[in-house]
Amino acid sequence: MYKVIYLTVVLLLSACGQPDKKVDESINDQTESLVSETHKAFFDNLSKICGESYRGKEIYRSHHGESMADEDLVMHVDICEDDHIHIPFHISEDKSRTWMFWKEDGKLRLAHDHRYEDGTPQEQTMYGGIADETGNEFVQNFPADEYSAKLIEDGGGNVWTIKIDEYFTTFTYRLERDEEKRWRVDFDLTNPL
């Protein structure tokens, strides 16, 4: 009796054959494209504010840059796809900036896309970094990548922090360089435009 069961199991297993190598590679490719659970949760929270525009207020600006406190600061969370979110950031009439978040090689990336009015890229564009492991579902830190360190003078110490408070009342964009506060803007999520 046991020999019959054993033989049946062996025949069934051999009939199934080896797993398809293409299927295994496809599963591995999908796994590699996934961000960590924390980064995914942050990305999902960011997508919850999609389709709206929000006015911002400069909280501080270091002596290293010109204050934008008197400017009209507005972000438009207008493109939200499964793998990327684009947030055009307007400073009064200047519409040259877009914050871009996307999933890349299993990581979460932030880039700053700067373009002229005709759509051509500016000299300093696409700088940013990959989210590190210090954040959570509401805040992520993006240390400057190698490209940004070369593009921006002394920019290797830049860390961009993006935060959505847990009650979805405020979106914060913050820049630090070598642990020195450089710039912070808070956007009021309770009052979409």
N, C-alpha and C. Protein backbone atom coordinates (compact mmCIF):
# COMPACT_ATOMS: atom_id res chain seq x y z
N MET A 1 0.83 -1.19 0.00
CA MET A 1 0.00 0.00 0.00
C MET A 1 0.88 1.25 0.00
N TYR A 2 1.88 1.30 0.91
CA TYR A 2 2.76 2.46 0.98
C TYR A 2 3.56 2.63 -0.30
N LYS A 3 3.94 1.48 -0.92
CA LYS A 3 4.69 1.55 -2.17
C LYS A 3 3.84 2.18 -3.27
N VAL A 4 2.55 1.89 -3.30
CA VAL A 4 1.65 2.44 -4.31
C VAL A 4 1.52 3.95 -4.12
N ILE A 5 1.35 4.39 -2.87
CA ILE A 5 1.22 5.83 -2.58
C ILE A 5 2.52 6.54 -2.96
N TYR A 6 3.67 5.96 -2.56
CA TYR A 6 4.97 6.54 -2.86
C TYR A 6 5.16 6.66 -4.37
N LEU A 7 4.83 5.60 -5.09
CA LEU A 7 4.97 5.59 -6.54
C LEU A 7 4.06 6.64 -7.18
N THR A 8 2.84 6.78 -6.68
CA THR A 8 1.89 7.77 -7.19
C THR A 8 2.44 9.18 -6.99
N VAL A 9 2.96 9.45 -5.80
CA VAL A 9 3.53 10.77 -5.50
C VAL A 9 4.71 11.07 -6.41
N VAL A 10 5.60 10.09 -6.59
CA VAL A 10 6.76 10.27 -7.46
C VAL A 10 6.33 10.57 -8.88
N LEU A 11 5.33 9.81 -9.38
CA LEU A 11 4.85 10.03 -10.74
C LEU A 11 4.21 11.41 -10.90
N LEU A 12 3.44 11.82 -9.89
CA LEU A 12 2.82 13.14 -9.95
C LEU A 12 3.86 14.25 -9.96
N LEU A 13 4.87 14.13 -9.11
CA LEU A 13 5.92 15.14 -9.06
C LEU A 13 6.72 15.20 -10.35
N SER A 14 7.02 14.04 -10.90
CA SER A 14 7.79 14.04 -12.14
C SER A 14 6.96 14.57 -13.29
N ALA A 15 5.64 14.37 -13.25
CA ALA A 15 4.77 14.88 -14.31
C ALA A 15 4.70 16.40 -14.27
N CYS A 16 4.80 16.94 -13.06
CA CYS A 16 4.76 18.40 -12.92
C CYS A 16 6.03 19.04 -13.48
N GLY A 17 7.13 18.32 -13.42
CA GLY A 17 8.39 18.83 -13.96
C GLY A 17 9.00 19.90 -13.07
N GLN A 18 10.05 20.49 -13.57
CA GLN A 18 10.74 21.54 -12.84
C GLN A 18 10.00 22.86 -13.01
N PRO A 19 10.11 23.74 -12.03
CA PRO A 19 9.47 25.05 -12.17
C PRO A 19 10.03 25.78 -13.39
N ASP A 20 9.18 26.51 -14.04
CA ASP A 20 9.58 27.27 -15.22
C ASP A 20 10.56 28.36 -14.82
N LYS A 21 11.75 28.35 -15.43
CA LYS A 21 12.78 29.31 -15.08
C LYS A 21 12.31 30.74 -15.38
N LYS A 22 11.53 30.93 -16.47
CA LYS A 22 11.03 32.26 -16.80
C LYS A 22 10.11 32.80 -15.71
N VAL A 23 9.28 31.92 -15.14
CA VAL A 23 8.39 32.33 -14.05
C VAL A 23 9.22 32.77 -12.85
N ASP A 24 10.26 31.98 -12.50
CA ASP A 24 11.13 32.35 -11.38
C ASP A 24 11.77 33.70 -11.62
N GLU A 25 12.29 33.94 -12.85
CA GLU A 25 12.93 35.21 -13.15
C GLU A 25 11.94 36.36 -13.07
N SER A 26 10.71 36.12 -13.52
CA SER A 26 9.68 37.15 -13.47
C SER A 26 9.36 37.53 -12.02
N ILE A 27 9.25 36.53 -11.16
CA ILE A 27 8.98 36.78 -9.74
C ILE A 27 10.14 37.57 -9.14
N ASN A 28 11.37 37.19 -9.46
CA ASN A 28 12.53 37.91 -8.94
C ASN A 28 12.54 39.35 -9.42
N ASP A 29 12.20 39.58 -10.70
CA ASP A 29 12.16 40.94 -11.24
C ASP A 29 11.14 41.78 -10.50
N GLN A 30 9.96 41.20 -10.22
CA GLN A 30 8.92 41.93 -9.50
C GLN A 30 9.38 42.24 -8.09
N THR A 31 10.03 41.30 -7.43
CA THR A 31 10.49 41.51 -6.07
C THR A 31 11.52 42.63 -6.04
N GLU A 32 12.42 42.67 -7.02
CA GLU A 32 13.45 43.69 -7.05
C GLU A 32 12.87 45.08 -7.27
N SER A 33 11.70 45.18 -7.92
CA SER A 33 11.12 46.48 -8.20
C SER A 33 10.29 47.02 -7.03
N LEU A 34 10.09 46.22 -6.00
CA LEU A 34 9.29 46.65 -4.86
C LEU A 34 10.13 47.45 -3.89
N VAL A 35 9.55 48.52 -3.34
CA VAL A 35 10.23 49.27 -2.29
C VAL A 35 9.94 48.60 -0.96
N SER A 36 10.67 49.00 0.08
CA SER A 36 10.44 48.43 1.40
C SER A 36 9.02 48.76 1.87
N GLU A 37 8.53 48.03 2.85
CA GLU A 37 7.17 48.27 3.36
C GLU A 37 7.02 49.70 3.88
N THR A 38 8.06 50.22 4.53
CA THR A 38 8.01 51.59 5.05
C THR A 38 7.96 52.60 3.92
N HIS A 39 8.79 52.40 2.91
CA HIS A 39 8.79 53.31 1.77
C HIS A 39 7.47 53.23 1.02
N LYS A 40 6.93 52.02 0.88
CA LYS A 40 5.65 51.84 0.20
C LYS A 40 4.53 52.55 0.98
N ALA A 41 4.54 52.43 2.30
CA ALA A 41 3.52 53.08 3.13
C ALA A 41 3.60 54.60 2.97
N PHE A 42 4.81 55.14 2.93
CA PHE A 42 4.99 56.58 2.73
C PHE A 42 4.46 56.97 1.34
N PHE A 43 4.84 56.23 0.32
CA PHE A 43 4.39 56.50 -1.04
C PHE A 43 2.87 56.47 -1.11
N ASP A 44 2.26 55.48 -0.46
CA ASP A 44 0.79 55.38 -0.43
C ASP A 44 0.16 56.57 0.27
N ASN A 45 0.77 57.02 1.37
CA ASN A 45 0.26 58.20 2.07
C ASN A 45 0.38 59.45 1.21
N LEU A 46 1.49 59.56 0.50
CA LEU A 46 1.68 60.70 -0.40
C LEU A 46 0.61 60.70 -1.50
N SER A 47 0.27 59.53 -1.99
CA SER A 47 -0.75 59.45 -3.06
C SER A 47 -2.14 59.84 -2.57
N LYS A 48 -2.36 59.82 -1.26
CA LYS A 48 -3.68 60.18 -0.71
C LYS A 48 -4.00 61.66 -0.88
N ILE A 49 -2.98 62.48 -1.11
CA ILE A 49 -3.24 63.91 -1.30
C ILE A 49 -3.25 64.28 -2.78
N CYS A 50 -3.27 63.29 -3.64
CA CYS A 50 -3.22 63.52 -5.08
C CYS A 50 -4.49 64.21 -5.58
N GLY A 51 -4.30 65.00 -6.63
CA GLY A 51 -5.44 65.67 -7.24
C GLY A 51 -5.76 67.02 -6.64
N GLU A 52 -4.96 67.46 -5.69
CA GLU A 52 -5.21 68.73 -5.01
C GLU A 52 -4.00 69.64 -5.13
N SER A 53 -4.24 70.94 -4.88
CA SER A 53 -3.19 71.94 -4.79
C SER A 53 -3.25 72.57 -3.41
N TYR A 54 -2.07 72.91 -2.88
CA TYR A 54 -1.99 73.42 -1.51
C TYR A 54 -1.02 74.60 -1.45
N ARG A 55 -1.40 75.60 -0.67
CA ARG A 55 -0.54 76.77 -0.48
C ARG A 55 0.43 76.50 0.66
N GLY A 56 1.66 77.01 0.48
CA GLY A 56 2.70 76.81 1.47
C GLY A 56 3.17 78.10 2.10
N LYS A 57 3.91 77.94 3.18
CA LYS A 57 4.47 79.08 3.91
C LYS A 57 5.91 78.75 4.27
N GLU A 58 6.81 79.67 3.96
CA GLU A 58 8.20 79.46 4.34
C GLU A 58 8.33 79.57 5.86
N ILE A 59 8.89 78.53 6.48
CA ILE A 59 9.08 78.52 7.93
C ILE A 59 10.43 79.10 8.30
N TYR A 60 11.46 78.77 7.54
CA TYR A 60 12.76 79.40 7.71
C TYR A 60 13.59 79.27 6.44
N ARG A 61 14.54 80.17 6.32
CA ARG A 61 15.52 80.14 5.23
C ARG A 61 16.84 80.59 5.83
N SER A 62 17.88 79.82 5.64
CA SER A 62 19.18 80.18 6.19
C SER A 62 19.78 81.34 5.41
N HIS A 63 20.87 81.86 5.93
CA HIS A 63 21.55 82.98 5.28
C HIS A 63 22.17 82.57 3.94
N HIS A 64 22.15 81.27 3.63
CA HIS A 64 22.76 80.77 2.39
C HIS A 64 21.88 80.99 1.17
N GLY A 65 20.64 81.35 1.38
CA GLY A 65 19.73 81.51 0.25
C GLY A 65 18.79 82.68 0.44
N GLU A 66 18.16 83.08 -0.65
CA GLU A 66 17.22 84.19 -0.61
C GLU A 66 15.87 83.73 -0.09
N SER A 67 15.30 84.49 0.82
CA SER A 67 14.01 84.14 1.40
C SER A 67 12.92 84.19 0.34
N MET A 68 11.96 83.28 0.48
CA MET A 68 10.79 83.26 -0.40
C MET A 68 9.52 83.51 0.39
N ALA A 69 9.68 84.13 1.55
CA ALA A 69 8.53 84.34 2.45
C ALA A 69 7.45 85.21 1.81
N ASP A 70 7.83 86.11 0.91
CA ASP A 70 6.85 86.99 0.28
C ASP A 70 6.30 86.43 -1.02
N GLU A 71 6.73 85.25 -1.39
CA GLU A 71 6.26 84.63 -2.64
C GLU A 71 5.01 83.80 -2.39
N ASP A 72 4.27 83.56 -3.46
CA ASP A 72 3.11 82.67 -3.39
C ASP A 72 3.61 81.25 -3.68
N LEU A 73 3.66 80.41 -2.66
CA LEU A 73 4.21 79.05 -2.76
C LEU A 73 3.05 78.06 -2.86
N VAL A 74 2.97 77.35 -3.99
CA VAL A 74 1.86 76.41 -4.20
C VAL A 74 2.41 75.11 -4.77
N MET A 75 1.97 73.99 -4.20
CA MET A 75 2.31 72.69 -4.78
C MET A 75 1.04 72.06 -5.34
N HIS A 76 1.22 71.38 -6.48
CA HIS A 76 0.10 70.73 -7.17
C HIS A 76 0.42 69.24 -7.24
N VAL A 77 -0.31 68.43 -6.48
CA VAL A 77 -0.07 66.98 -6.49
C VAL A 77 -0.91 66.41 -7.62
N ASP A 78 -0.36 66.48 -8.83
CA ASP A 78 -1.22 66.24 -9.99
C ASP A 78 -0.98 64.95 -10.76
N ILE A 79 0.13 64.28 -10.59
CA ILE A 79 0.35 63.01 -11.29
C ILE A 79 0.67 61.94 -10.26
N CYS A 80 -0.22 60.99 -10.13
CA CYS A 80 -0.02 59.89 -9.18
C CYS A 80 -0.26 58.57 -9.90
N GLU A 81 0.78 57.84 -10.15
CA GLU A 81 0.71 56.53 -10.78
C GLU A 81 1.23 55.49 -9.79
N ASP A 82 1.16 54.22 -10.17
CA ASP A 82 1.60 53.15 -9.28
C ASP A 82 3.08 53.26 -8.91
N ASP A 83 3.89 53.82 -9.82
CA ASP A 83 5.32 53.85 -9.57
C ASP A 83 5.92 55.25 -9.50
N HIS A 84 5.11 56.30 -9.68
CA HIS A 84 5.66 57.65 -9.56
C HIS A 84 4.58 58.67 -9.20
N ILE A 85 5.03 59.72 -8.51
CA ILE A 85 4.19 60.85 -8.14
C ILE A 85 4.95 62.11 -8.50
N HIS A 86 4.30 63.03 -9.22
CA HIS A 86 4.92 64.29 -9.59
C HIS A 86 4.18 65.43 -8.91
N ILE A 87 4.94 66.35 -8.31
CA ILE A 87 4.35 67.49 -7.62
C ILE A 87 4.99 68.76 -8.15
N PRO A 88 4.37 69.42 -9.14
CA PRO A 88 4.87 70.72 -9.55
C PRO A 88 4.80 71.71 -8.38
N PHE A 89 5.89 72.44 -8.18
CA PHE A 89 6.00 73.41 -7.09
C PHE A 89 6.21 74.78 -7.70
N HIS A 90 5.22 75.66 -7.56
CA HIS A 90 5.27 76.99 -8.15
C HIS A 90 5.64 78.02 -7.10
N ILE A 91 6.55 78.88 -7.48
CA ILE A 91 6.95 80.01 -6.64
C ILE A 91 6.50 81.27 -7.37
N SER A 92 5.33 81.79 -6.98
CA SER A 92 4.66 82.88 -7.69
C SER A 92 4.52 82.50 -9.16
N GLU A 93 5.10 83.27 -10.08
CA GLU A 93 4.95 82.99 -11.52
C GLU A 93 5.97 81.97 -12.03
N ASP A 94 6.92 81.58 -11.20
CA ASP A 94 7.96 80.63 -11.60
C ASP A 94 7.41 79.21 -11.49
N LYS A 95 7.21 78.57 -12.64
CA LYS A 95 6.64 77.22 -12.68
C LYS A 95 7.65 76.20 -13.17
N SER A 96 8.92 76.44 -12.86
CA SER A 96 10.00 75.63 -13.42
C SER A 96 10.30 74.36 -12.64
N ARG A 97 9.72 74.20 -11.43
CA ARG A 97 10.13 73.11 -10.54
C ARG A 97 9.06 72.03 -10.41
N THR A 98 9.53 70.78 -10.36
CA THR A 98 8.65 69.65 -10.06
C THR A 98 9.40 68.69 -9.15
N TRP A 99 8.76 68.32 -8.04
CA TRP A 99 9.30 67.27 -7.18
C TRP A 99 8.78 65.94 -7.73
N MET A 100 9.69 65.01 -7.93
CA MET A 100 9.32 63.72 -8.50
C MET A 100 9.70 62.61 -7.53
N PHE A 101 8.73 61.76 -7.21
CA PHE A 101 8.98 60.59 -6.37
C PHE A 101 8.71 59.38 -7.23
N TRP A 102 9.63 58.43 -7.24
CA TRP A 102 9.35 57.20 -7.98
C TRP A 102 10.10 56.02 -7.40
N LYS A 103 9.56 54.85 -7.72
CA LYS A 103 10.16 53.59 -7.29
C LYS A 103 11.18 53.19 -8.34
N GLU A 104 12.40 52.95 -7.90
CA GLU A 104 13.48 52.65 -8.83
C GLU A 104 14.39 51.59 -8.23
N ASP A 105 14.51 50.46 -8.91
CA ASP A 105 15.41 49.38 -8.46
C ASP A 105 15.16 49.00 -7.00
N GLY A 106 13.89 48.93 -6.62
CA GLY A 106 13.54 48.51 -5.27
C GLY A 106 13.70 49.60 -4.23
N LYS A 107 13.92 50.84 -4.67
CA LYS A 107 14.13 51.95 -3.73
C LYS A 107 13.18 53.09 -4.07
N LEU A 108 13.06 54.03 -3.14
CA LEU A 108 12.22 55.20 -3.34
C LEU A 108 13.13 56.40 -3.59
N ARG A 109 12.94 57.08 -4.71
CA ARG A 109 13.80 58.19 -5.12
C ARG A 109 13.02 59.50 -5.12
N LEU A 110 13.71 60.58 -4.76
CA LEU A 110 13.21 61.95 -4.92
C LEU A 110 14.14 62.67 -5.89
N ALA A 111 13.57 63.34 -6.88
CA ALA A 111 14.36 64.16 -7.79
C ALA A 111 13.67 65.50 -7.97
N HIS A 112 14.48 66.52 -8.22
CA HIS A 112 14.00 67.87 -8.46
C HIS A 112 14.19 68.16 -9.95
N ASP A 113 13.09 68.23 -10.68
CA ASP A 113 13.13 68.47 -12.12
C ASP A 113 12.94 69.97 -12.34
N HIS A 114 13.96 70.62 -12.91
CA HIS A 114 13.91 72.06 -13.20
C HIS A 114 13.94 72.24 -14.71
N ARG A 115 12.95 72.97 -15.24
CA ARG A 115 12.86 73.16 -16.69
C ARG A 115 12.56 74.62 -17.03
N TYR A 116 13.04 75.01 -18.21
CA TYR A 116 12.69 76.32 -18.74
C TYR A 116 11.26 76.29 -19.25
N GLU A 117 10.73 77.47 -19.57
CA GLU A 117 9.33 77.55 -20.02
C GLU A 117 9.06 76.70 -21.25
N ASP A 118 10.07 76.54 -22.11
CA ASP A 118 9.86 75.74 -23.33
C ASP A 118 9.99 74.24 -23.09
N GLY A 119 10.23 73.85 -21.82
CA GLY A 119 10.29 72.43 -21.47
C GLY A 119 11.68 71.84 -21.47
N THR A 120 12.68 72.59 -21.92
CA THR A 120 14.04 72.04 -21.91
C THR A 120 14.60 72.06 -20.49
N PRO A 121 15.43 71.08 -20.15
CA PRO A 121 15.98 71.00 -18.79
C PRO A 121 16.96 72.14 -18.50
N GLN A 122 16.91 72.63 -17.28
CA GLN A 122 17.89 73.61 -16.83
C GLN A 122 19.22 72.90 -16.53
N GLU A 123 20.25 73.69 -16.28
CA GLU A 123 21.57 73.11 -16.02
C GLU A 123 21.56 72.28 -14.73
N GLN A 124 20.92 72.80 -13.69
CA GLN A 124 20.81 72.05 -12.44
C GLN A 124 19.42 71.44 -12.36
N THR A 125 19.36 70.16 -12.67
CA THR A 125 18.07 69.46 -12.66
C THR A 125 18.27 67.99 -12.32
N MET A 126 17.21 67.38 -11.89
CA MET A 126 17.16 65.95 -11.56
C MET A 126 18.06 65.57 -10.39
N TYR A 127 18.36 66.53 -9.54
CA TYR A 127 19.14 66.22 -8.34
C TYR A 127 18.21 65.72 -7.24
N GLY A 128 18.75 65.01 -6.29
CA GLY A 128 17.96 64.45 -5.19
C GLY A 128 18.68 63.26 -4.60
N GLY A 129 17.92 62.24 -4.22
CA GLY A 129 18.54 61.08 -3.62
C GLY A 129 17.55 59.96 -3.38
N ILE A 130 18.08 58.89 -2.80
CA ILE A 130 17.30 57.69 -2.47
C ILE A 130 16.94 57.74 -0.98
N ALA A 131 15.69 57.40 -0.66
CA ALA A 131 15.26 57.38 0.74
C ALA A 131 16.11 56.40 1.53
N ASP A 132 16.56 56.84 2.70
CA ASP A 132 17.33 55.93 3.55
C ASP A 132 16.37 55.14 4.43
N GLU A 133 16.88 54.47 5.43
CA GLU A 133 16.04 53.60 6.28
C GLU A 133 15.65 54.26 7.59
N THR A 134 15.83 55.59 7.72
CA THR A 134 15.54 56.26 8.99
C THR A 134 14.11 56.76 9.10
N GLY A 135 13.35 56.70 8.00
CA GLY A 135 12.01 57.27 8.01
C GLY A 135 10.94 56.28 8.42
N ASN A 136 9.69 56.70 8.23
CA ASN A 136 8.54 55.85 8.51
C ASN A 136 7.45 56.16 7.49
N GLU A 137 6.23 55.76 7.78
CA GLU A 137 5.16 55.93 6.78
C GLU A 137 4.76 57.39 6.57
N PHE A 138 5.23 58.30 7.45
CA PHE A 138 4.87 59.71 7.33
C PHE A 138 6.04 60.63 7.01
N VAL A 139 7.24 60.16 7.17
CA VAL A 139 8.41 61.00 6.90
C VAL A 139 9.52 60.16 6.27
N GLN A 140 10.16 60.74 5.25
CA GLN A 140 11.29 60.08 4.59
C GLN A 140 12.41 61.08 4.39
N ASN A 141 13.64 60.59 4.55
CA ASN A 141 14.84 61.39 4.37
C ASN A 141 15.56 60.91 3.12
N PHE A 142 15.97 61.86 2.29
CA PHE A 142 16.60 61.56 1.01
C PHE A 142 17.99 62.20 0.97
N PRO A 143 19.03 61.50 1.42
CA PRO A 143 20.39 62.04 1.32
C PRO A 143 20.80 62.18 -0.14
N ALA A 144 21.61 63.20 -0.42
CA ALA A 144 22.05 63.46 -1.79
C ALA A 144 22.76 62.26 -2.37
N ASP A 145 22.42 61.95 -3.62
CA ASP A 145 23.12 60.87 -4.32
C ASP A 145 24.41 61.43 -4.93
N GLU A 146 25.17 60.56 -5.55
CA GLU A 146 26.47 60.94 -6.11
C GLU A 146 26.32 62.00 -7.20
N TYR A 147 25.31 61.86 -8.04
CA TYR A 147 25.05 62.83 -9.11
C TYR A 147 24.82 64.22 -8.51
N SER A 148 24.00 64.30 -7.46
CA SER A 148 23.68 65.58 -6.83
C SER A 148 24.90 66.19 -6.16
N ALA A 149 25.72 65.35 -5.55
CA ALA A 149 26.93 65.83 -4.89
C ALA A 149 27.88 66.49 -5.89
N LYS A 150 27.89 65.99 -7.12
CA LYS A 150 28.75 66.58 -8.17
C LYS A 150 28.10 67.82 -8.78
N LEU A 151 26.77 67.79 -8.90
CA LEU A 151 26.04 68.86 -9.57
C LEU A 151 25.95 70.13 -8.72
N ILE A 152 25.71 69.98 -7.42
CA ILE A 152 25.49 71.10 -6.52
C ILE A 152 26.76 71.35 -5.72
N GLU A 153 27.25 72.57 -5.75
CA GLU A 153 28.46 72.89 -4.99
C GLU A 153 28.22 72.62 -3.51
N ASP A 154 29.06 71.81 -2.91
CA ASP A 154 28.95 71.39 -1.50
C ASP A 154 27.64 70.65 -1.22
N GLY A 155 27.00 70.11 -2.27
CA GLY A 155 25.70 69.46 -2.11
C GLY A 155 25.76 68.03 -1.62
N GLY A 156 26.95 67.49 -1.44
CA GLY A 156 27.06 66.11 -0.98
C GLY A 156 26.48 65.88 0.40
N GLY A 157 26.38 66.93 1.19
CA GLY A 157 25.81 66.81 2.53
C GLY A 157 24.33 67.13 2.60
N ASN A 158 23.70 67.32 1.44
CA ASN A 158 22.26 67.65 1.42
C ASN A 158 21.43 66.45 1.86
N VAL A 159 20.41 66.74 2.64
CA VAL A 159 19.37 65.76 2.97
C VAL A 159 18.03 66.47 2.83
N TRP A 160 17.19 65.94 1.95
CA TRP A 160 15.85 66.47 1.78
C TRP A 160 14.91 65.59 2.61
N THR A 161 14.09 66.23 3.41
CA THR A 161 13.12 65.51 4.24
C THR A 161 11.72 65.92 3.81
N ILE A 162 10.90 64.92 3.55
CA ILE A 162 9.50 65.13 3.18
C ILE A 162 8.66 64.49 4.28
N LYS A 163 7.74 65.29 4.80
CA LYS A 163 6.92 64.80 5.92
C LYS A 163 5.45 65.16 5.69
N ILE A 164 4.59 64.19 5.94
CA ILE A 164 3.15 64.43 6.02
C ILE A 164 2.77 64.10 7.45
N ASP A 165 2.22 65.08 8.16
CA ASP A 165 1.89 64.75 9.55
C ASP A 165 0.79 63.70 9.58
N GLU A 166 0.74 62.95 10.67
CA GLU A 166 -0.14 61.77 10.72
C GLU A 166 -1.62 62.10 10.61
N TYR A 167 -2.00 63.36 10.81
CA TYR A 167 -3.41 63.76 10.68
C TYR A 167 -3.70 64.37 9.31
N PHE A 168 -2.71 64.36 8.43
CA PHE A 168 -2.83 64.90 7.08
C PHE A 168 -3.27 66.36 7.11
N THR A 169 -2.65 67.13 8.00
CA THR A 169 -2.92 68.56 8.05
C THR A 169 -1.78 69.37 7.44
N THR A 170 -0.56 68.82 7.44
CA THR A 170 0.60 69.57 6.96
C THR A 170 1.53 68.67 6.14
N PHE A 171 2.02 69.20 5.03
CA PHE A 171 3.06 68.59 4.22
C PHE A 171 4.28 69.49 4.37
N THR A 172 5.41 68.90 4.75
CA THR A 172 6.64 69.68 4.97
C THR A 172 7.72 69.25 4.00
N TYR A 173 8.35 70.24 3.39
CA TYR A 173 9.55 70.04 2.57
C TYR A 173 10.69 70.74 3.29
N ARG A 174 11.75 70.00 3.59
CA ARG A 174 12.86 70.57 4.36
C ARG A 174 14.19 70.17 3.73
N LEU A 175 15.12 71.11 3.71
CA LEU A 175 16.47 70.85 3.23
C LEU A 175 17.46 71.16 4.35
N GLU A 176 18.36 70.21 4.59
CA GLU A 176 19.49 70.43 5.48
C GLU A 176 20.76 70.13 4.71
N ARG A 177 21.84 70.79 5.08
CA ARG A 177 23.14 70.48 4.49
C ARG A 177 24.14 70.35 5.63
N ASP A 178 24.78 69.20 5.69
CA ASP A 178 25.74 68.91 6.76
C ASP A 178 25.14 69.22 8.13
N GLU A 179 23.89 68.78 8.31
CA GLU A 179 23.11 68.91 9.55
C GLU A 179 22.78 70.36 9.92
N GLU A 180 22.95 71.27 8.98
CA GLU A 180 22.54 72.67 9.19
C GLU A 180 21.22 72.90 8.46
N LYS A 181 20.25 73.50 9.15
CA LYS A 181 18.96 73.80 8.54
C LYS A 181 19.13 74.84 7.45
N ARG A 182 18.61 74.54 6.25
CA ARG A 182 18.73 75.45 5.12
C ARG A 182 17.40 76.08 4.73
N TRP A 183 16.36 75.24 4.59
CA TRP A 183 15.09 75.77 4.11
C TRP A 183 13.97 74.84 4.51
N ARG A 184 12.84 75.44 4.86
CA ARG A 184 11.65 74.63 5.19
C ARG A 184 10.40 75.37 4.73
N VAL A 185 9.52 74.62 4.08
CA VAL A 185 8.22 75.13 3.67
C VAL A 185 7.16 74.14 4.15
N ASP A 186 6.11 74.66 4.78
CA ASP A 186 4.97 73.84 5.20
C ASP A 186 3.76 74.19 4.34
N PHE A 187 3.04 73.16 3.92
CA PHE A 187 1.85 73.34 3.09
C PHE A 187 0.63 72.90 3.91
N ASP A 188 -0.43 73.71 3.83
CA ASP A 188 -1.65 73.45 4.59
C ASP A 188 -2.54 72.48 3.81
N LEU A 189 -2.58 71.23 4.28
CA LEU A 189 -3.38 70.20 3.61
C LEU A 189 -4.87 70.29 3.95
N THR A 190 -5.21 71.11 4.95
CA THR A 190 -6.61 71.21 5.35
C THR A 190 -7.39 72.16 4.47
N ASN A 191 -6.69 72.91 3.62
CA ASN A 191 -7.35 73.94 2.83
C ASN A 191 -6.90 73.86 1.37
N PRO A 192 -7.32 72.81 0.64
CA PRO A 192 -6.92 72.73 -0.77
C PRO A 192 -7.44 73.91 -1.58
N LEU A 193 -6.69 74.27 -2.60
CA LEU A 193 -7.08 75.42 -3.44
C LEU A 193 -8.13 75.02 -4.48
